[in-house]
Amino acid sequence: MLSARTSSIALLLLVILCWPALSLGQPAVPAKSDGPPKQASDSGNLPDNLTLISGLKQLLDISSTKAIAQLGKHDGFLGNEAIRILLPPRLQAIGKSMRMIGRGDEVDELEIAMNRAAEDATAQAKPVFVAALKNLVVKDPKLILNGGDTAATDYFRHSSSSDLIAAFTPIAHRSMERAGVIKQYKHVLKNDPGGSAIANEFDLDQYVVERTLDGIFNVMASEEGNIRQNPGAQNSDLIKEIFSAK
């Protein structure tokens, strides 16, 4: 017979050998948690800077195209009180004096001609804006994306105004000649006692160019705000992607 000591050792060995099999049927004890499970970060889904820049440029291309289509037609400027080009402040005194002597129609003709020139020049502006957008350097696209309703338009205007003016001026000058602006301007100055003092001091080309670009950017800003606020106006996958990441 086995001694008590021998029996105890045999029993202990049996338990050790069988322990893994016994433990298989037991539920696992959950590890202690310090809080609710952490959610996976979605930062990997955010567009990279190149995607953001492409999306913002596409936004500006769409808004500039709409602005040019809206303003580059008959009464695009003249019929829009918000952007209609008025007599330059430098000529206000002349305009007033001419109206007082019954020659206000000549002043009106000058104002109409400036707006017609702006409309004609705007109709030719698309290549100018395409080139400016191509050369636009966007240093912080996330800042623009998360900016105000007109942040992209404001950035584009600030960054590209000098290039746009330089490229747009000869177009506007030709439009002014076709619309009779320069002829009418000289006529108004010639027929007013104070006109000769202004003739060499005021750059009408610059005035019309700046007011024309003001009008285009005004409509662009409105279009950008609509695209930002109205998901239905985000009519491209790229624009939807960048704004869904905000």
C-alpha atoms as a PDB file:
ATOM      1  CA  MET A   1       0.000   0.000   0.000  1.00  0.00           C
ATOM      2  CA  LEU A   2       0.972   3.549  -0.677  1.00  0.00           C
ATOM      3  CA  SER A   3       1.855   5.634   2.310  1.00  0.00           C
ATOM      4  CA  ALA A   4      -0.144   8.783   3.133  1.00  0.00           C
ATOM      5  CA  ARG A   5       2.767  10.975   1.991  1.00  0.00           C
ATOM      6  CA  THR A   6       2.942   9.175  -1.364  1.00  0.00           C
ATOM      7  CA  SER A   7      -0.830   9.529  -1.858  1.00  0.00           C
ATOM      8  CA  SER A   8      -0.700  13.264  -1.196  1.00  0.00           C
ATOM      9  CA  ILE A   9       2.044  13.781  -3.754  1.00  0.00           C
ATOM     10  CA  ALA A  10       0.142  11.787  -6.362  1.00  0.00           C
ATOM     11  CA  LEU A  11      -3.037  13.811  -5.733  1.00  0.00           C
ATOM     12  CA  LEU A  12      -1.155  17.083  -6.044  1.00  0.00           C
ATOM     13  CA  LEU A  13       0.372  15.987  -9.367  1.00  0.00           C
ATOM     14  CA  LEU A  14      -3.051  14.998 -10.641  1.00  0.00           C
ATOM     15  CA  VAL A  15      -4.498  18.419  -9.793  1.00  0.00           C
ATOM     16  CA  ILE A  16      -1.591  20.229 -11.489  1.00  0.00           C
ATOM     17  CA  LEU A  17      -1.964  18.152 -14.641  1.00  0.00           C
ATOM     18  CA  CYS A  18      -5.701  18.661 -14.836  1.00  0.00           C
ATOM     19  CA  TRP A  19      -5.764  22.423 -13.971  1.00  0.00           C
ATOM     20  CA  PRO A  20      -5.489  23.785 -17.571  1.00  0.00           C
ATOM     21  CA  ALA A  21      -8.392  21.594 -18.674  1.00  0.00           C
ATOM     22  CA  LEU A  22     -10.505  22.673 -15.715  1.00  0.00           C
ATOM     23  CA  SER A  23      -9.800  26.369 -16.322  1.00  0.00           C
ATOM     24  CA  LEU A  24     -10.981  26.193 -19.948  1.00  0.00           C
ATOM     25  CA  GLY A  25     -14.572  26.086 -18.898  1.00  0.00           C
ATOM     26  CA  GLN A  26     -14.359  29.133 -16.644  1.00  0.00           C
ATOM     27  CA  PRO A  27     -15.347  32.593 -17.860  1.00  0.00           C
ATOM     28  CA  ALA A  28     -12.477  34.976 -18.318  1.00  0.00           C
ATOM     29  CA  VAL A  29     -12.145  37.615 -15.648  1.00  0.00           C
ATOM     30  CA  PRO A  30     -12.307  41.065 -17.335  1.00  0.00           C
ATOM     31  CA  ALA A  31      -9.321  43.274 -16.869  1.00  0.00           C
ATOM     32  CA  LYS A  32      -9.863  46.225 -14.577  1.00  0.00           C
ATOM     33  CA  SER A  33     -10.853  49.332 -16.520  1.00  0.00           C
ATOM     34  CA  ASP A  34      -9.993  52.896 -15.571  1.00  0.00           C
ATOM     35  CA  GLY A  35     -13.001  54.278 -17.441  1.00  0.00           C
ATOM     36  CA  PRO A  36     -15.165  53.881 -20.530  1.00  0.00           C
ATOM     37  CA  PRO A  37     -13.496  52.434 -23.615  1.00  0.00           C
ATOM     38  CA  LYS A  38     -11.632  54.982 -25.682  1.00  0.00           C
ATOM     39  CA  GLN A  39     -13.016  55.829 -29.111  1.00  0.00           C
ATOM     40  CA  ALA A  40     -10.744  55.567 -32.091  1.00  0.00           C
ATOM     41  CA  SER A  41      -9.459  58.948 -33.219  1.00  0.00           C
ATOM     42  CA  ASP A  42     -10.918  60.211 -36.461  1.00  0.00           C
ATOM     43  CA  SER A  43      -8.023  62.572 -37.112  1.00  0.00           C
ATOM     44  CA  GLY A  44      -6.876  60.261 -39.858  1.00  0.00           C
ATOM     45  CA  ASN A  45     -10.057  61.107 -41.772  1.00  0.00           C
ATOM     46  CA  LEU A  46      -9.354  64.844 -41.938  1.00  0.00           C
ATOM     47  CA  PRO A  47      -8.276  66.077 -45.370  1.00  0.00           C
ATOM     48  CA  ASP A  48      -4.614  66.945 -45.681  1.00  0.00           C
ATOM     49  CA  ASN A  49      -3.459  70.447 -46.574  1.00  0.00           C
ATOM     50  CA  LEU A  50      -3.230  69.719 -50.292  1.00  0.00           C
ATOM     51  CA  THR A  51      -6.842  68.529 -50.318  1.00  0.00           C
ATOM     52  CA  LEU A  52      -7.966  71.574 -48.348  1.00  0.00           C
ATOM     53  CA  ILE A  53      -6.147  73.926 -50.714  1.00  0.00           C
ATOM     54  CA  SER A  54      -7.662  72.214 -53.752  1.00  0.00           C
ATOM     55  CA  GLY A  55     -11.116  72.446 -52.193  1.00  0.00           C
ATOM     56  CA  LEU A  56     -10.752  76.128 -51.329  1.00  0.00           C
ATOM     57  CA  LYS A  57      -9.500  76.947 -54.815  1.00  0.00           C
ATOM     58  CA  GLN A  58     -12.436  75.066 -56.296  1.00  0.00           C
ATOM     59  CA  LEU A  59     -14.757  77.080 -54.063  1.00  0.00           C
ATOM     60  CA  LEU A  60     -13.192  80.314 -55.347  1.00  0.00           C
ATOM     61  CA  ASP A  61     -13.377  79.116 -58.937  1.00  0.00           C
ATOM     62  CA  ILE A  62     -17.085  78.365 -58.599  1.00  0.00           C
ATOM     63  CA  SER A  63     -17.882  81.646 -56.853  1.00  0.00           C
ATOM     64  CA  SER A  64     -15.866  83.716 -59.349  1.00  0.00           C
ATOM     65  CA  THR A  65     -17.524  81.945 -62.283  1.00  0.00           C
ATOM     66  CA  LYS A  66     -20.968  82.752 -60.888  1.00  0.00           C
ATOM     67  CA  ALA A  67     -20.000  86.363 -60.176  1.00  0.00           C
ATOM     68  CA  ILE A  68     -18.634  86.863 -63.690  1.00  0.00           C
ATOM     69  CA  ALA A  69     -21.738  85.292 -65.256  1.00  0.00           C
ATOM     70  CA  GLN A  70     -24.004  87.484 -63.129  1.00  0.00           C
ATOM     71  CA  LEU A  71     -22.186  90.775 -63.700  1.00  0.00           C
ATOM     72  CA  GLY A  72     -20.774  90.307 -67.188  1.00  0.00           C
ATOM     73  CA  LYS A  73     -24.073  90.968 -68.929  1.00  0.00           C
ATOM     74  CA  HIS A  74     -26.309  93.919 -69.737  1.00  0.00           C
ATOM     75  CA  ASP A  75     -27.309  95.722 -66.524  1.00  0.00           C
ATOM     76  CA  GLY A  76     -25.112  93.409 -64.454  1.00  0.00           C
ATOM     77  CA  PHE A  77     -23.617  96.513 -62.826  1.00  0.00           C
ATOM     78  CA  LEU A  78     -26.014  99.255 -63.842  1.00  0.00           C
ATOM     79  CA  GLY A  79     -29.047  97.345 -62.566  1.00  0.00           C
ATOM     80  CA  ASN A  80     -27.495  96.307 -59.243  1.00  0.00           C
ATOM     81  CA  GLU A  81     -27.680  99.139 -56.711  1.00  0.00           C
ATOM     82  CA  ALA A  82     -25.212  97.378 -54.385  1.00  0.00           C
ATOM     83  CA  ILE A  83     -22.363  97.529 -56.887  1.00  0.00           C
ATOM     84  CA  ARG A  84     -23.435 100.116 -59.465  1.00  0.00           C
ATOM     85  CA  ILE A  85     -20.488 102.353 -60.353  1.00  0.00           C
ATOM     86  CA  LEU A  86     -21.332 105.925 -59.427  1.00  0.00           C
ATOM     87  CA  LEU A  87     -19.685 109.156 -60.455  1.00  0.00           C
ATOM     88  CA  PRO A  88     -16.253 109.289 -58.800  1.00  0.00           C
ATOM     89  CA  PRO A  89     -16.117 111.422 -55.626  1.00  0.00           C
ATOM     90  CA  ARG A  90     -13.509 113.578 -57.380  1.00  0.00           C
ATOM     91  CA  LEU A  91     -16.137 114.491 -59.969  1.00  0.00           C
ATOM     92  CA  GLN A  92     -19.111 114.953 -57.656  1.00  0.00           C
ATOM     93  CA  ALA A  93     -18.764 118.747 -57.599  1.00  0.00           C
ATOM     94  CA  ILE A  94     -18.610 118.889 -61.390  1.00  0.00           C
ATOM     95  CA  GLY A  95     -21.632 116.624 -61.671  1.00  0.00           C
ATOM     96  CA  LYS A  96     -23.613 118.802 -59.296  1.00  0.00           C
ATOM     97  CA  SER A  97     -22.763 122.015 -61.117  1.00  0.00           C
ATOM     98  CA  MET A  98     -23.642 120.515 -64.509  1.00  0.00           C
ATOM     99  CA  ARG A  99     -27.011 119.363 -63.193  1.00  0.00           C
ATOM    100  CA  MET A 100     -27.682 122.865 -61.914  1.00  0.00           C
ATOM    101  CA  ILE A 101     -27.257 124.288 -65.399  1.00  0.00           C
ATOM    102  CA  GLY A 102     -29.453 121.643 -67.017  1.00  0.00           C
ATOM    103  CA  ARG A 103     -26.710 119.360 -68.329  1.00  0.00           C
ATOM    104  CA  GLY A 104     -27.228 116.485 -65.970  1.00  0.00           C
ATOM    105  CA  ASP A 105     -27.883 114.102 -68.869  1.00  0.00           C
ATOM    106  CA  GLU A 106     -24.203 114.358 -69.810  1.00  0.00           C
ATOM    107  CA  VAL A 107     -23.237 113.269 -66.310  1.00  0.00           C
ATOM    108  CA  ASP A 108     -25.738 110.402 -66.485  1.00  0.00           C
ATOM    109  CA  GLU A 109     -24.263 109.287 -69.796  1.00  0.00           C
ATOM    110  CA  LEU A 110     -20.807 109.112 -68.241  1.00  0.00           C
ATOM    111  CA  GLU A 111     -22.094 107.017 -65.349  1.00  0.00           C
ATOM    112  CA  ILE A 112     -23.966 104.680 -67.683  1.00  0.00           C
ATOM    113  CA  ALA A 113     -20.889 104.295 -69.877  1.00  0.00           C
ATOM    114  CA  MET A 114     -18.711 103.351 -66.878  1.00  0.00           C
ATOM    115  CA  ASN A 115     -21.149 100.605 -65.902  1.00  0.00           C
ATOM    116  CA  ARG A 116     -21.397  99.315 -69.459  1.00  0.00           C
ATOM    117  CA  ALA A 117     -17.609  99.174 -69.594  1.00  0.00           C
ATOM    118  CA  ALA A 118     -17.533  97.259 -66.309  1.00  0.00           C
ATOM    119  CA  GLU A 119     -20.051  94.750 -67.656  1.00  0.00           C
ATOM    120  CA  ASP A 120     -18.105  94.266 -70.876  1.00  0.00           C
ATOM    121  CA  ALA A 121     -14.780  93.891 -69.063  1.00  0.00           C
ATOM    122  CA  THR A 122     -16.240  91.447 -66.534  1.00  0.00           C
ATOM    123  CA  ALA A 123     -17.459  89.203 -69.340  1.00  0.00           C
ATOM    124  CA  GLN A 124     -13.785  88.825 -70.328  1.00  0.00           C
ATOM    125  CA  ALA A 125     -12.454  88.385 -66.792  1.00  0.00           C
ATOM    126  CA  LYS A 126     -12.542  84.598 -66.423  1.00  0.00           C
ATOM    127  CA  PRO A 127      -9.008  83.904 -67.743  1.00  0.00           C
ATOM    128  CA  VAL A 128      -7.649  86.601 -65.443  1.00  0.00           C
ATOM    129  CA  PHE A 129      -9.207  84.967 -62.393  1.00  0.00           C
ATOM    130  CA  VAL A 130      -8.186  81.455 -63.481  1.00  0.00           C
ATOM    131  CA  ALA A 131      -4.559  82.570 -63.735  1.00  0.00           C
ATOM    132  CA  ALA A 132      -4.704  84.325 -60.370  1.00  0.00           C
ATOM    133  CA  LEU A 133      -6.174  81.228 -58.692  1.00  0.00           C
ATOM    134  CA  LYS A 134      -3.511  79.023 -60.252  1.00  0.00           C
ATOM    135  CA  ASN A 135      -0.791  81.216 -58.763  1.00  0.00           C
ATOM    136  CA  LEU A 136      -2.506  81.672 -55.399  1.00  0.00           C
ATOM    137  CA  VAL A 137      -0.357  80.436 -52.494  1.00  0.00           C
ATOM    138  CA  VAL A 138      -2.444  79.286 -49.528  1.00  0.00           C
ATOM    139  CA  LYS A 139      -0.254  79.098 -46.435  1.00  0.00           C
ATOM    140  CA  ASP A 140      -2.827  78.077 -43.815  1.00  0.00           C
ATOM    141  CA  PRO A 141      -5.855  76.421 -45.435  1.00  0.00           C
ATOM    142  CA  LYS A 142      -7.307  75.278 -42.099  1.00  0.00           C
ATOM    143  CA  LEU A 143      -7.435  78.859 -40.874  1.00  0.00           C
ATOM    144  CA  ILE A 144      -9.353  79.897 -43.995  1.00  0.00           C
ATOM    145  CA  LEU A 145     -11.618  76.845 -43.838  1.00  0.00           C
ATOM    146  CA  ASN A 146     -12.580  77.649 -40.257  1.00  0.00           C
ATOM    147  CA  GLY A 147     -12.817  81.391 -40.855  1.00  0.00           C
ATOM    148  CA  GLY A 148     -15.861  83.544 -41.488  1.00  0.00           C
ATOM    149  CA  ASP A 149     -18.333  83.240 -44.331  1.00  0.00           C
ATOM    150  CA  THR A 150     -16.104  85.234 -46.693  1.00  0.00           C
ATOM    151  CA  ALA A 151     -12.680  84.095 -45.464  1.00  0.00           C
ATOM    152  CA  ALA A 152     -11.570  82.491 -48.744  1.00  0.00           C
ATOM    153  CA  THR A 153     -12.719  85.449 -50.867  1.00  0.00           C
ATOM    154  CA  ASP A 154     -11.053  87.911 -48.496  1.00  0.00           C
ATOM    155  CA  TYR A 155      -7.789  85.958 -48.600  1.00  0.00           C
ATOM    156  CA  PHE A 156      -7.872  85.718 -52.395  1.00  0.00           C
ATOM    157  CA  ARG A 157      -8.569  89.423 -52.745  1.00  0.00           C
ATOM    158  CA  HIS A 158      -5.817  90.439 -50.338  1.00  0.00           C
ATOM    159  CA  SER A 159      -3.275  88.100 -51.927  1.00  0.00           C
ATOM    160  CA  SER A 160      -4.054  88.684 -55.598  1.00  0.00           C
ATOM    161  CA  SER A 161      -5.379  92.246 -55.986  1.00  0.00           C
ATOM    162  CA  SER A 162      -2.211  93.698 -57.507  1.00  0.00           C
ATOM    163  CA  ASP A 163      -1.944  90.875 -60.063  1.00  0.00           C
ATOM    164  CA  LEU A 164      -5.642  91.110 -60.905  1.00  0.00           C
ATOM    165  CA  ILE A 165      -5.478  94.877 -61.376  1.00  0.00           C
ATOM    166  CA  ALA A 166      -2.424  94.604 -63.617  1.00  0.00           C
ATOM    167  CA  ALA A 167      -4.014  91.916 -65.797  1.00  0.00           C
ATOM    168  CA  PHE A 168      -7.483  93.437 -65.815  1.00  0.00           C
ATOM    169  CA  THR A 169      -6.603  97.089 -66.557  1.00  0.00           C
ATOM    170  CA  PRO A 170      -5.947  96.725 -70.310  1.00  0.00           C
ATOM    171  CA  ILE A 171      -9.175  94.742 -70.685  1.00  0.00           C
ATOM    172  CA  ALA A 172     -11.138  97.406 -68.849  1.00  0.00           C
ATOM    173  CA  HIS A 173      -9.481 100.212 -70.829  1.00  0.00           C
ATOM    174  CA  ARG A 174     -10.552  98.662 -74.143  1.00  0.00           C
ATOM    175  CA  SER A 175     -14.062  98.201 -72.764  1.00  0.00           C
ATOM    176  CA  MET A 176     -14.120 101.851 -71.678  1.00  0.00           C
ATOM    177  CA  GLU A 177     -13.149 102.957 -75.172  1.00  0.00           C
ATOM    178  CA  ARG A 178     -15.891 100.823 -76.718  1.00  0.00           C
ATOM    179  CA  ALA A 179     -18.471 102.125 -74.242  1.00  0.00           C
ATOM    180  CA  GLY A 180     -17.458 105.735 -74.907  1.00  0.00           C
ATOM    181  CA  VAL A 181     -16.382 106.362 -71.302  1.00  0.00           C
ATOM    182  CA  ILE A 182     -13.198 108.215 -72.148  1.00  0.00           C
ATOM    183  CA  LYS A 183     -14.902 110.364 -74.762  1.00  0.00           C
ATOM    184  CA  GLN A 184     -17.758 111.233 -72.423  1.00  0.00           C
ATOM    185  CA  TYR A 185     -15.359 111.875 -69.543  1.00  0.00           C
ATOM    186  CA  LYS A 186     -13.384 114.369 -71.611  1.00  0.00           C
ATOM    187  CA  HIS A 187     -16.624 115.961 -72.735  1.00  0.00           C
ATOM    188  CA  VAL A 188     -17.794 116.459 -69.143  1.00  0.00           C
ATOM    189  CA  LEU A 189     -14.473 117.943 -68.074  1.00  0.00           C
ATOM    190  CA  LYS A 190     -14.319 120.221 -71.091  1.00  0.00           C
ATOM    191  CA  ASN A 191     -17.767 121.656 -70.428  1.00  0.00           C
ATOM    192  CA  ASP A 192     -17.225 122.459 -66.772  1.00  0.00           C
ATOM    193  CA  PRO A 193     -15.146 125.405 -65.491  1.00  0.00           C
ATOM    194  CA  GLY A 194     -13.373 123.198 -62.958  1.00  0.00           C
ATOM    195  CA  GLY A 195     -12.773 120.305 -65.334  1.00  0.00           C
ATOM    196  CA  SER A 196      -9.350 121.326 -66.537  1.00  0.00           C
ATOM    197  CA  ALA A 197      -7.976 121.190 -63.003  1.00  0.00           C
ATOM    198  CA  ILE A 198      -9.014 117.535 -62.696  1.00  0.00           C
ATOM    199  CA  ALA A 199      -8.037 116.318 -66.147  1.00  0.00           C
ATOM    200  CA  ASN A 200      -4.460 115.480 -65.208  1.00  0.00           C
ATOM    201  CA  GLU A 201      -5.074 114.587 -61.578  1.00  0.00           C
ATOM    202  CA  PHE A 202      -7.613 111.784 -61.756  1.00  0.00           C
ATOM    203  CA  ASP A 203      -7.061 108.305 -63.242  1.00  0.00           C
ATOM    204  CA  LEU A 204     -10.442 107.193 -64.560  1.00  0.00           C
ATOM    205  CA  ASP A 205      -9.052 103.829 -65.728  1.00  0.00           C
ATOM    206  CA  GLN A 206      -7.932 102.979 -62.215  1.00  0.00           C
ATOM    207  CA  TYR A 207     -11.250 104.045 -60.741  1.00  0.00           C
ATOM    208  CA  VAL A 208     -13.335 101.882 -63.084  1.00  0.00           C
ATOM    209  CA  VAL A 209     -11.002  98.890 -62.707  1.00  0.00           C
ATOM    210  CA  GLU A 210     -11.116  99.051 -58.918  1.00  0.00           C
ATOM    211  CA  ARG A 211     -14.899  99.487 -58.809  1.00  0.00           C
ATOM    212  CA  THR A 212     -15.352  96.597 -61.259  1.00  0.00           C
ATOM    213  CA  LEU A 213     -13.217  94.272 -59.157  1.00  0.00           C
ATOM    214  CA  ASP A 214     -15.056  95.475 -56.047  1.00  0.00           C
ATOM    215  CA  GLY A 215     -18.294  94.337 -57.670  1.00  0.00           C
ATOM    216  CA  ILE A 216     -16.929  90.938 -58.649  1.00  0.00           C
ATOM    217  CA  PHE A 217     -15.526  90.274 -55.172  1.00  0.00           C
ATOM    218  CA  ASN A 218     -18.777  91.472 -53.601  1.00  0.00           C
ATOM    219  CA  VAL A 219     -20.745  88.801 -55.452  1.00  0.00           C
ATOM    220  CA  MET A 220     -18.028  86.201 -54.859  1.00  0.00           C
ATOM    221  CA  ALA A 221     -18.261  86.800 -51.112  1.00  0.00           C
ATOM    222  CA  SER A 222     -22.016  86.319 -51.233  1.00  0.00           C
ATOM    223  CA  GLU A 223     -21.620  83.067 -53.173  1.00  0.00           C
ATOM    224  CA  GLU A 224     -18.999  81.778 -50.727  1.00  0.00           C
ATOM    225  CA  GLY A 225     -21.292  82.481 -47.794  1.00  0.00           C
ATOM    226  CA  ASN A 226     -24.091  80.576 -49.497  1.00  0.00           C
ATOM    227  CA  ILE A 227     -21.861  77.573 -50.167  1.00  0.00           C
ATOM    228  CA  ARG A 228     -20.636  77.517 -46.570  1.00  0.00           C
ATOM    229  CA  GLN A 229     -24.093  77.823 -45.033  1.00  0.00           C
ATOM    230  CA  ASN A 230     -26.105  75.743 -47.480  1.00  0.00           C
ATOM    231  CA  PRO A 231     -25.024  72.096 -47.942  1.00  0.00           C
ATOM    232  CA  GLY A 232     -27.217  71.961 -51.032  1.00  0.00           C
ATOM    233  CA  ALA A 233     -24.935  74.520 -52.678  1.00  0.00           C
ATOM    234  CA  GLN A 234     -21.855  72.347 -52.084  1.00  0.00           C
ATOM    235  CA  ASN A 235     -22.177  70.770 -55.492  1.00  0.00           C
ATOM    236  CA  SER A 236     -18.874  68.932 -55.687  1.00  0.00           C
ATOM    237  CA  ASP A 237     -17.487  65.990 -53.716  1.00  0.00           C
ATOM    238  CA  LEU A 238     -14.303  67.893 -52.920  1.00  0.00           C
ATOM    239  CA  ILE A 239     -16.138  70.886 -51.429  1.00  0.00           C
ATOM    240  CA  LYS A 240     -18.402  68.578 -49.442  1.00  0.00           C
ATOM    241  CA  GLU A 241     -15.332  66.760 -48.130  1.00  0.00           C
ATOM    242  CA  ILE A 242     -13.534  69.849 -46.842  1.00  0.00           C
ATOM    243  CA  PHE A 243     -16.593  71.346 -45.156  1.00  0.00           C
ATOM    244  CA  SER A 244     -17.630  68.059 -43.554  1.00  0.00           C
ATOM    245  CA  ALA A 245     -14.224  68.037 -41.843  1.00  0.00           C
ATOM    246  CA  LYS A 246     -14.820  71.324 -40.004  1.00  0.00           C
END
